[in-house]
Every structure is written in structure tokens, then in C-alpha cells.
Amino acid sequence: MGKTVAGAGVLGRRWIDPNRPDGVQIFIERVYVAGVHLRSGIDEFFAGSNISLALEREPHNPHDRNAIKVIGILTTVFSTRQFHVGYVPREIAQQIVERGFWGRVGADLRMVEWGDYKNLIFDLYGPKGEKNAFFGQEASRKREPRRRKRKVNKEKDAESMGGGALQAAVPPLPDPPPLQPDLTKQAHPPFDAIAIARVAHSSARSVVAWGDALLGRVAGEGNMVVHCFLRCLTLVTIACALLYAVLKVAGVF
């Protein structure tokens, strides 16, 4: 249950391990039982190893109608005995009765002292979550975090910061100048097919004249192979010039 410690003014002090039921919380810690030094015949209780406390109303007490007795319970292998060891302090007893907590609170014995004066100390506990009501306080409300609304409209943001009038005084920006036309994307000038045909015809005549002169010289030398090759080259050149002119007119180039 605990250990005995010698100290000033007492012959012994023993701490008792907590022994509270589930679903409760401590309302007041370290409450001294009143009038223990006036009680007699309680030495056996103080010497016991398995002891606890209970509360009992005393409505016919001539001195205090809210009086609550503290009963010491001594449990042994063979029996359970009760001792009237004192009272709950007057102010706490009044608080328990007038605020409707009688029958809903209990006493958990925490320390026993004996020597010049006998003392019993207990924790007063009650239903979990009702401590504020026991002290006459409203239940504390958890403050919900404020969610910052994301503003999309920049004008509303400026007005909320006091910049609405400033924005109204600033003239709007002028419209940007029109873009210059892209010359690279303009249509090509019309193609003069007649001029191309004339150039091709003139080139062909020049090639034919040059070819005939060269062929005549080669023929004079009697080289038929070179003669045929130059004649074919002349014809191919004329054909390429004409083909280019036709494709140009068709818009391929």
C-alpha cells in the first residue's frame, strides 16, 4: 500500500496508492479530513494495512445541515470494520450538497499520518467531465481554428487592405499597340509563268547552239560516243528547264 516515513512532528507517514474507479476525475486534491484529532478509538484503523474511506451524509447534524461524515474502512482476512474518523471540511461539504453532487463523489485515501496529531488526506473525485460544473463554471468551449478564406478576386483583396480608393484614383493602362504584321507569313508575289517560259526557251536555245557547235567539232574528229553523250546531255538540260517551269506554274515551288 505504501511506505512509512518518519518526519518532523509525526511518528510515521504512509502514502496510499490511488484506488479510484474508472470514469472519474479528481475534483480536489489533498483534502484533510476535519476533526481527526478529536476522534477516539481509531488507532486500529491507522495501524491497518488495507484501509480506505467512504462518505456518509449527516443531515441532522445540529451544527451543519450539509455535514458529511468520513468513514474509515478496515478490511482484514476475517472481517470488515468501519470507523468514524472525521468530517469533510465544511466548505467542500456545502459545495457537494448545494450543487447536487452528493452521491456522485467519492474519497480516495492518499496519506495517513500519526504522531502528535493524526491526519488523513484524500482526493475528492467525481464524474469525468463535470469538474467545471462542480465549481460552478461553464464548460470550456474549444475554440475552432479560424479558416482563412482564400480570396480569388484581387480587387476584393485590395479593398480589404484599404487600397480600394487608391486603385480608383489610378487611371487604367492604355491598350497595347496593334501588332506589326508578320512579313514572313505574307503570300508570295504572283509567279510570272510567261517570263519563266521565256527564260527557259532562251536557255534551251543557248544550250542547243552550244551543243551543236560542240557536236560538230566532235563529229569532225569522228568520236561518235562523245557525240551521242553530248546530244543526250543537251536534251536532258532542256527537259529539266521545261519541267522546272511547269512545276513553278503549278505552285510546287
C-alpha atoms as a PDB file:
ATOM      1  CA  MET A   1       0.000   0.000   0.000  1.00  0.00           C
ATOM      2  CA  GLY A   2       2.866   2.425   0.689  1.00  0.00           C
ATOM      3  CA  LYS A   3       5.838   3.079   2.907  1.00  0.00           C
ATOM      4  CA  THR A   4       6.264   4.717   6.285  1.00  0.00           C
ATOM      5  CA  VAL A   5       8.458   7.814   6.510  1.00  0.00           C
ATOM      6  CA  ALA A   6       9.472   9.484   9.746  1.00  0.00           C
ATOM      7  CA  GLY A   7       9.284  13.266   9.726  1.00  0.00           C
ATOM      8  CA  ALA A   8       9.115  16.354  11.923  1.00  0.00           C
ATOM      9  CA  GLY A   9       6.050  16.406  14.183  1.00  0.00           C
ATOM     10  CA  VAL A  10       4.911  12.924  13.190  1.00  0.00           C
ATOM     11  CA  LEU A  11       5.925   9.430  14.179  1.00  0.00           C
ATOM     12  CA  GLY A  12       5.020   7.991  10.807  1.00  0.00           C
ATOM     13  CA  ARG A  13       3.574   8.853   7.422  1.00  0.00           C
ATOM     14  CA  ARG A  14       2.257   6.401   4.902  1.00  0.00           C
ATOM     15  CA  TRP A  15       1.297   7.131   1.321  1.00  0.00           C
ATOM     16  CA  ILE A  16      -1.570   5.129  -0.112  1.00  0.00           C
ATOM     17  CA  ASP A  17      -1.706   4.115  -3.751  1.00  0.00           C
ATOM     18  CA  PRO A  18      -4.615   5.578  -5.760  1.00  0.00           C
ATOM     19  CA  ASN A  19      -7.703   3.412  -5.777  1.00  0.00           C
ATOM     20  CA  ARG A  20     -10.345   5.169  -7.879  1.00  0.00           C
ATOM     21  CA  PRO A  21     -12.993   3.615 -10.131  1.00  0.00           C
ATOM     22  CA  ASP A  22     -12.974   4.125 -13.876  1.00  0.00           C
ATOM     23  CA  GLY A  23     -14.751   7.061 -15.480  1.00  0.00           C
ATOM     24  CA  VAL A  24     -13.912   9.614 -12.780  1.00  0.00           C
ATOM     25  CA  GLN A  25     -11.543  12.517 -12.365  1.00  0.00           C
ATOM     26  CA  ILE A  26     -10.104  14.329  -9.372  1.00  0.00           C
ATOM     27  CA  PHE A  27     -12.068  17.433  -8.354  1.00  0.00           C
ATOM     28  CA  ILE A  28      -9.910  18.476  -5.357  1.00  0.00           C
ATOM     29  CA  GLU A  29      -6.513  17.086  -4.373  1.00  0.00           C
ATOM     30  CA  ARG A  30      -5.036  16.667  -0.893  1.00  0.00           C
ATOM     31  CA  VAL A  31      -8.098  17.299   1.268  1.00  0.00           C
ATOM     32  CA  TYR A  32      -7.507  16.968   5.019  1.00  0.00           C
ATOM     33  CA  VAL A  33     -10.205  15.159   6.976  1.00  0.00           C
ATOM     34  CA  ALA A  34     -11.524  17.583   9.609  1.00  0.00           C
ATOM     35  CA  GLY A  35     -11.675  16.623  13.314  1.00  0.00           C
ATOM     36  CA  VAL A  36      -9.486  13.518  13.141  1.00  0.00           C
ATOM     37  CA  HIS A  37      -7.591  14.585  16.270  1.00  0.00           C
ATOM     38  CA  LEU A  38     -10.883  14.706  18.189  1.00  0.00           C
ATOM     39  CA  ARG A  39     -11.875  11.146  17.406  1.00  0.00           C
ATOM     40  CA  SER A  40     -11.037   8.287  19.749  1.00  0.00           C
ATOM     41  CA  GLY A  41     -10.846   4.555  19.159  1.00  0.00           C
ATOM     42  CA  ILE A  42      -9.408   4.848  15.679  1.00  0.00           C
ATOM     43  CA  ASP A  43      -5.871   3.658  16.377  1.00  0.00           C
ATOM     44  CA  GLU A  44      -6.707   0.244  14.968  1.00  0.00           C
ATOM     45  CA  PHE A  45      -7.741   1.860  11.696  1.00  0.00           C
ATOM     46  CA  PHE A  46      -4.479   3.826  11.454  1.00  0.00           C
ATOM     47  CA  ALA A  47      -2.469   0.669  12.094  1.00  0.00           C
ATOM     48  CA  GLY A  48      -4.302  -1.322   9.421  1.00  0.00           C
ATOM     49  CA  SER A  49      -2.685  -2.206   6.117  1.00  0.00           C
ATOM     50  CA  ASN A  50      -5.813  -2.431   3.956  1.00  0.00           C
ATOM     51  CA  ILE A  51      -7.752   0.751   4.622  1.00  0.00           C
ATOM     52  CA  SER A  52      -9.986   3.048   2.598  1.00  0.00           C
ATOM     53  CA  LEU A  53     -12.533   5.841   3.029  1.00  0.00           C
ATOM     54  CA  ALA A  54     -16.244   6.300   2.361  1.00  0.00           C
ATOM     55  CA  LEU A  55     -18.573   9.304   2.688  1.00  0.00           C
ATOM     56  CA  GLU A  56     -21.871   9.440   4.558  1.00  0.00           C
ATOM     57  CA  ARG A  57     -24.413  12.240   4.921  1.00  0.00           C
ATOM     58  CA  GLU A  58     -25.372  13.520   8.387  1.00  0.00           C
ATOM     59  CA  PRO A  59     -28.401  15.743   7.681  1.00  0.00           C
ATOM     60  CA  HIS A  60     -29.435  16.000  11.345  1.00  0.00           C
ATOM     61  CA  ASN A  61     -26.120  17.404  12.486  1.00  0.00           C
ATOM     62  CA  PRO A  62     -27.026  20.352  14.775  1.00  0.00           C
ATOM     63  CA  HIS A  63     -24.014  22.383  13.673  1.00  0.00           C
ATOM     64  CA  ASP A  64     -24.115  21.902   9.883  1.00  0.00           C
ATOM     65  CA  ARG A  65     -27.033  20.592   7.827  1.00  0.00           C
ATOM     66  CA  ASN A  66     -24.621  19.842   4.969  1.00  0.00           C
ATOM     67  CA  ALA A  67     -22.299  17.779   7.183  1.00  0.00           C
ATOM     68  CA  ILE A  68     -20.691  14.749   5.538  1.00  0.00           C
ATOM     69  CA  LYS A  69     -19.012  12.135   7.687  1.00  0.00           C
ATOM     70  CA  VAL A  70     -15.825  10.387   6.631  1.00  0.00           C
ATOM     71  CA  ILE A  71     -15.929   6.681   7.386  1.00  0.00           C
ATOM     72  CA  GLY A  72     -12.699   4.707   7.616  1.00  0.00           C
ATOM     73  CA  ILE A  73     -12.976   1.118   6.390  1.00  0.00           C
ATOM     74  CA  LEU A  74     -10.561  -1.509   7.695  1.00  0.00           C
ATOM     75  CA  THR A  75     -10.587  -4.768   5.746  1.00  0.00           C
ATOM     76  CA  THR A  76      -8.910  -7.871   7.157  1.00  0.00           C
ATOM     77  CA  VAL A  77      -8.956 -11.521   6.215  1.00  0.00           C
ATOM     78  CA  PHE A  78     -11.780 -12.251   8.632  1.00  0.00           C
ATOM     79  CA  SER A  79     -13.845  -9.054   8.792  1.00  0.00           C
ATOM     80  CA  THR A  80     -14.515  -5.503   7.616  1.00  0.00           C
ATOM     81  CA  ARG A  81     -14.824  -2.789  10.227  1.00  0.00           C
ATOM     82  CA  GLN A  82     -15.882   0.843   9.977  1.00  0.00           C
ATOM     83  CA  PHE A  83     -14.665   3.823  11.984  1.00  0.00           C
ATOM     84  CA  HIS A  84     -15.988   7.372  12.098  1.00  0.00           C
ATOM     85  CA  VAL A  85     -12.694   9.174  11.552  1.00  0.00           C
ATOM     86  CA  GLY A  86     -13.890  12.762  10.923  1.00  0.00           C
ATOM     87  CA  TYR A  87     -15.767  15.058   8.503  1.00  0.00           C
ATOM     88  CA  VAL A  88     -15.380  16.562   5.079  1.00  0.00           C
ATOM     89  CA  PRO A  89     -14.351  20.243   5.510  1.00  0.00           C
ATOM     90  CA  ARG A  90     -17.425  22.485   5.822  1.00  0.00           C
ATOM     91  CA  GLU A  91     -16.907  24.492   2.623  1.00  0.00           C
ATOM     92  CA  ILE A  92     -16.388  21.400   0.482  1.00  0.00           C
ATOM     93  CA  ALA A  93     -19.381  19.630   2.040  1.00  0.00           C
ATOM     94  CA  GLN A  94     -21.587  22.641   1.284  1.00  0.00           C
ATOM     95  CA  GLN A  95     -20.346  22.678  -2.301  1.00  0.00           C
ATOM     96  CA  ILE A  96     -21.096  18.972  -2.737  1.00  0.00           C
ATOM     97  CA  VAL A  97     -24.652  19.203  -1.356  1.00  0.00           C
ATOM     98  CA  GLU A  98     -25.832  22.519  -2.788  1.00  0.00           C
ATOM     99  CA  ARG A  99     -24.581  21.802  -6.296  1.00  0.00           C
ATOM    100  CA  GLY A 100     -26.227  18.411  -6.459  1.00  0.00           C
ATOM    101  CA  PHE A 101     -23.119  16.245  -6.371  1.00  0.00           C
ATOM    102  CA  TRP A 102     -23.992  14.216  -3.302  1.00  0.00           C
ATOM    103  CA  GLY A 103     -23.910  10.529  -4.198  1.00  0.00           C
ATOM    104  CA  ARG A 104     -21.726  11.252  -7.222  1.00  0.00           C
ATOM    105  CA  VAL A 105     -18.427  11.994  -5.483  1.00  0.00           C
ATOM    106  CA  GLY A 106     -16.047   9.819  -3.507  1.00  0.00           C
ATOM    107  CA  ALA A 107     -12.929   9.991  -1.336  1.00  0.00           C
ATOM    108  CA  ASP A 108      -9.694   8.277  -2.326  1.00  0.00           C
ATOM    109  CA  LEU A 109      -7.373   7.930   0.678  1.00  0.00           C
ATOM    110  CA  ARG A 110      -3.836   9.057  -0.179  1.00  0.00           C
ATOM    111  CA  MET A 111      -1.904   9.561   3.072  1.00  0.00           C
ATOM    112  CA  VAL A 112      -2.016   8.592   6.761  1.00  0.00           C
ATOM    113  CA  GLU A 113      -0.037  10.422   9.460  1.00  0.00           C
ATOM    114  CA  TRP A 114       0.225   9.658  13.135  1.00  0.00           C
ATOM    115  CA  GLY A 115       2.200  11.213  15.936  1.00  0.00           C
ATOM    116  CA  ASP A 116       1.354  14.412  17.824  1.00  0.00           C
ATOM    117  CA  TYR A 117      -1.765  14.661  15.653  1.00  0.00           C
ATOM    118  CA  LYS A 118      -3.423  12.095  13.444  1.00  0.00           C
ATOM    119  CA  ASN A 119      -4.144  13.169   9.879  1.00  0.00           C
ATOM    120  CA  LEU A 120      -5.931  11.614   6.937  1.00  0.00           C
ATOM    121  CA  ILE A 121      -5.580  13.123   3.458  1.00  0.00           C
ATOM    122  CA  PHE A 122      -7.745  12.146   0.482  1.00  0.00           C
ATOM    123  CA  ASP A 123      -8.525  13.185  -3.098  1.00  0.00           C
ATOM    124  CA  LEU A 124     -12.122  14.097  -3.831  1.00  0.00           C
ATOM    125  CA  TYR A 125     -13.191  12.652  -7.184  1.00  0.00           C
ATOM    126  CA  GLY A 126     -16.334  12.812  -9.286  1.00  0.00           C
ATOM    127  CA  PRO A 127     -17.723  12.071 -12.772  1.00  0.00           C
ATOM    128  CA  LYS A 128     -15.307  12.757 -15.572  1.00  0.00           C
ATOM    129  CA  GLY A 129     -16.051  15.934 -17.494  1.00  0.00           C
ATOM    130  CA  GLU A 130     -18.071  17.622 -14.710  1.00  0.00           C
ATOM    131  CA  LYS A 131     -15.322  19.325 -12.751  1.00  0.00           C
ATOM    132  CA  ASN A 132     -16.280  22.754 -14.084  1.00  0.00           C
ATOM    133  CA  ALA A 133     -19.905  22.208 -13.073  1.00  0.00           C
ATOM    134  CA  PHE A 134     -18.748  21.222  -9.592  1.00  0.00           C
ATOM    135  CA  PHE A 135     -17.010  24.587  -9.250  1.00  0.00           C
ATOM    136  CA  GLY A 136     -19.922  26.470 -10.832  1.00  0.00           C
ATOM    137  CA  GLN A 137     -18.103  27.218 -14.074  1.00  0.00           C
ATOM    138  CA  GLU A 138     -19.419  26.830 -17.595  1.00  0.00           C
ATOM    139  CA  ALA A 139     -17.906  24.093 -19.667  1.00  0.00           C
ATOM    140  CA  SER A 140     -14.980  25.429 -21.597  1.00  0.00           C
ATOM    141  CA  ARG A 141     -15.638  25.571 -25.263  1.00  0.00           C
ATOM    142  CA  LYS A 142     -12.921  24.555 -27.623  1.00  0.00           C
ATOM    143  CA  ARG A 143     -12.213  27.337 -29.985  1.00  0.00           C
ATOM    144  CA  GLU A 144     -12.391  26.202 -33.513  1.00  0.00           C
ATOM    145  CA  PRO A 145      -9.488  27.421 -35.615  1.00  0.00           C
ATOM    146  CA  ARG A 146     -10.458  30.183 -37.951  1.00  0.00           C
ATOM    147  CA  ARG A 147     -10.249  29.120 -41.505  1.00  0.00           C
ATOM    148  CA  ARG A 148      -8.841  31.773 -43.740  1.00  0.00           C
ATOM    149  CA  LYS A 149     -10.936  32.146 -46.835  1.00  0.00           C
ATOM    150  CA  ARG A 150      -8.921  32.247 -49.977  1.00  0.00           C
ATOM    151  CA  LYS A 151      -9.860  35.289 -51.974  1.00  0.00           C
ATOM    152  CA  VAL A 152      -9.625  34.905 -55.708  1.00  0.00           C
ATOM    153  CA  ASN A 153     -10.696  38.378 -56.730  1.00  0.00           C
ATOM    154  CA  LYS A 154      -7.693  40.723 -56.452  1.00  0.00           C
ATOM    155  CA  GLU A 155      -9.927  43.765 -56.243  1.00  0.00           C
ATOM    156  CA  LYS A 156     -11.575  42.468 -53.055  1.00  0.00           C
ATOM    157  CA  ASP A 157      -8.154  41.822 -51.552  1.00  0.00           C
ATOM    158  CA  ALA A 158      -7.111  45.417 -52.296  1.00  0.00           C
ATOM    159  CA  GLU A 159     -10.316  46.811 -50.772  1.00  0.00           C
ATOM    160  CA  SER A 160      -9.919  44.729 -47.617  1.00  0.00           C
ATOM    161  CA  MET A 161      -6.408  46.180 -47.200  1.00  0.00           C
ATOM    162  CA  GLY A 162      -7.626  49.727 -47.673  1.00  0.00           C
ATOM    163  CA  GLY A 163      -6.384  50.089 -51.243  1.00  0.00           C
ATOM    164  CA  GLY A 164      -9.759  50.405 -52.984  1.00  0.00           C
ATOM    165  CA  ALA A 165      -9.651  54.216 -53.145  1.00  0.00           C
ATOM    166  CA  LEU A 166      -6.059  54.126 -54.363  1.00  0.00           C
ATOM    167  CA  GLN A 167      -6.959  51.800 -57.191  1.00  0.00           C
ATOM    168  CA  ALA A 168      -9.875  54.029 -58.168  1.00  0.00           C
ATOM    169  CA  ALA A 169      -7.527  57.047 -58.416  1.00  0.00           C
ATOM    170  CA  VAL A 170      -5.039  55.314 -60.711  1.00  0.00           C
ATOM    171  CA  PRO A 171      -6.055  55.658 -64.410  1.00  0.00           C
ATOM    172  CA  PRO A 172      -6.323  52.477 -66.406  1.00  0.00           C
ATOM    173  CA  LEU A 173      -3.413  51.467 -68.587  1.00  0.00           C
ATOM    174  CA  PRO A 174      -3.740  52.257 -72.328  1.00  0.00           C
ATOM    175  CA  ASP A 175      -4.429  49.465 -74.739  1.00  0.00           C
ATOM    176  CA  PRO A 176      -1.303  47.927 -76.233  1.00  0.00           C
ATOM    177  CA  PRO A 177      -0.463  48.972 -79.815  1.00  0.00           C
ATOM    178  CA  PRO A 178      -1.527  46.620 -82.582  1.00  0.00           C
ATOM    179  CA  LEU A 179       0.992  44.032 -83.520  1.00  0.00           C
ATOM    180  CA  GLN A 180       3.008  44.547 -86.694  1.00  0.00           C
ATOM    181  CA  PRO A 181       2.128  42.119 -89.467  1.00  0.00           C
ATOM    182  CA  ASP A 182       4.438  39.177 -89.817  1.00  0.00           C
ATOM    183  CA  LEU A 183       6.099  39.619 -93.199  1.00  0.00           C
ATOM    184  CA  THR A 184       7.330  36.046 -93.157  1.00  0.00           C
ATOM    185  CA  LYS A 185       3.755  34.807 -93.312  1.00  0.00           C
ATOM    186  CA  GLN A 186       2.637  37.032 -96.203  1.00  0.00           C
ATOM    187  CA  ALA A 187       1.732  35.440 -99.537  1.00  0.00           C
ATOM    188  CA  HIS A 188       4.416  35.282-102.166  1.00  0.00           C
ATOM    189  CA  PRO A 189       4.024  37.652-105.122  1.00  0.00           C
ATOM    190  CA  PRO A 190       2.318  36.119-108.136  1.00  0.00           C
ATOM    191  CA  PHE A 191       4.506  33.940-110.305  1.00  0.00           C
ATOM    192  CA  ASP A 192       5.152  35.145-113.876  1.00  0.00           C
ATOM    193  CA  ALA A 193       4.936  31.914-115.856  1.00  0.00           C
ATOM    194  CA  ILE A 194       5.469  33.669-119.195  1.00  0.00           C
ATOM    195  CA  ALA A 195       8.763  35.188-118.021  1.00  0.00           C
ATOM    196  CA  ILE A 196       9.943  31.798-116.790  1.00  0.00           C
ATOM    197  CA  ALA A 197       8.974  30.222-120.110  1.00  0.00           C
ATOM    198  CA  ARG A 198      10.909  32.854-121.990  1.00  0.00           C
ATOM    199  CA  VAL A 199      13.981  32.319-119.825  1.00  0.00           C
ATOM    200  CA  ALA A 200      13.696  28.563-120.279  1.00  0.00           C
ATOM    201  CA  HIS A 201      13.308  28.940-124.052  1.00  0.00           C
ATOM    202  CA  SER A 202      16.309  31.276-124.280  1.00  0.00           C
ATOM    203  CA  SER A 203      18.393  28.941-122.123  1.00  0.00           C
ATOM    204  CA  ALA A 204      17.359  25.981-124.249  1.00  0.00           C
ATOM    205  CA  ARG A 205      18.368  27.783-127.460  1.00  0.00           C
ATOM    206  CA  SER A 206      21.735  28.694-125.952  1.00  0.00           C
ATOM    207  CA  VAL A 207      22.295  25.128-124.835  1.00  0.00           C
ATOM    208  CA  VAL A 208      21.277  23.802-128.273  1.00  0.00           C
ATOM    209  CA  ALA A 209      23.595  26.217-130.027  1.00  0.00           C
ATOM    210  CA  TRP A 210      26.465  25.341-127.741  1.00  0.00           C
ATOM    211  CA  GLY A 211      25.701  21.668-128.152  1.00  0.00           C
ATOM    212  CA  ASP A 212      25.567  21.829-131.943  1.00  0.00           C
ATOM    213  CA  ALA A 213      28.882  23.642-132.092  1.00  0.00           C
ATOM    214  CA  LEU A 214      30.455  21.130-129.767  1.00  0.00           C
ATOM    215  CA  LEU A 215      28.890  18.202-131.584  1.00  0.00           C
ATOM    216  CA  GLY A 216      30.132  19.493-134.906  1.00  0.00           C
ATOM    217  CA  ARG A 217      33.660  19.705-133.571  1.00  0.00           C
ATOM    218  CA  VAL A 218      33.457  16.244-132.028  1.00  0.00           C
ATOM    219  CA  ALA A 219      31.892  14.808-135.159  1.00  0.00           C
ATOM    220  CA  GLY A 220      34.664  16.264-137.163  1.00  0.00           C
ATOM    221  CA  GLU A 221      37.066  14.289-135.054  1.00  0.00           C
ATOM    222  CA  GLY A 222      34.993  11.141-135.643  1.00  0.00           C
ATOM    223  CA  ASN A 223      34.171  10.362-131.964  1.00  0.00           C
ATOM    224  CA  MET A 224      30.617   9.036-132.148  1.00  0.00           C
ATOM    225  CA  VAL A 225      30.441   8.117-128.442  1.00  0.00           C
ATOM    226  CA  VAL A 226      31.145  11.627-127.254  1.00  0.00           C
ATOM    227  CA  HIS A 227      28.782  12.950-129.898  1.00  0.00           C
ATOM    228  CA  CYS A 228      25.878  10.891-128.569  1.00  0.00           C
ATOM    229  CA  PHE A 229      26.638  11.748-124.950  1.00  0.00           C
ATOM    230  CA  LEU A 230      26.607  15.487-125.591  1.00  0.00           C
ATOM    231  CA  ARG A 231      23.375  15.244-127.559  1.00  0.00           C
ATOM    232  CA  CYS A 232      21.694  13.440-124.660  1.00  0.00           C
ATOM    233  CA  LEU A 233      23.044  15.938-122.138  1.00  0.00           C
ATOM    234  CA  THR A 234      21.600  18.778-124.217  1.00  0.00           C
ATOM    235  CA  LEU A 235      18.184  17.155-124.315  1.00  0.00           C
ATOM    236  CA  VAL A 236      18.200  16.460-120.563  1.00  0.00           C
ATOM    237  CA  THR A 237      19.088  20.082-119.800  1.00  0.00           C
ATOM    238  CA  ILE A 238      16.218  21.339-121.970  1.00  0.00           C
ATOM    239  CA  ALA A 239      13.809  18.863-120.310  1.00  0.00           C
ATOM    240  CA  CYS A 240      14.841  19.955-116.796  1.00  0.00           C
ATOM    241  CA  ALA A 241      14.339  23.615-117.641  1.00  0.00           C
ATOM    242  CA  LEU A 242      10.869  22.939-119.017  1.00  0.00           C
ATOM    243  CA  LEU A 243       9.951  20.739-116.015  1.00  0.00           C
ATOM    244  CA  TYR A 244      11.013  23.454-113.593  1.00  0.00           C
ATOM    245  CA  ALA A 245       8.853  25.996-115.427  1.00  0.00           C
ATOM    246  CA  VAL A 246       5.814  23.679-115.309  1.00  0.00           C
ATOM    247  CA  LEU A 247       6.240  22.940-111.545  1.00  0.00           C
ATOM    248  CA  LYS A 248       6.648  26.622-110.784  1.00  0.00           C
ATOM    249  CA  VAL A 249       3.425  27.403-112.579  1.00  0.00           C
ATOM    250  CA  ALA A 250       1.673  24.599-110.648  1.00  0.00           C
ATOM    251  CA  GLY A 251       2.760  26.168-107.337  1.00  0.00           C
ATOM    252  CA  VAL A 252       5.035  23.369-106.177  1.00  0.00           C
ATOM    253  CA  PHE A 253       7.925  25.794-105.597  1.00  0.00           C
END
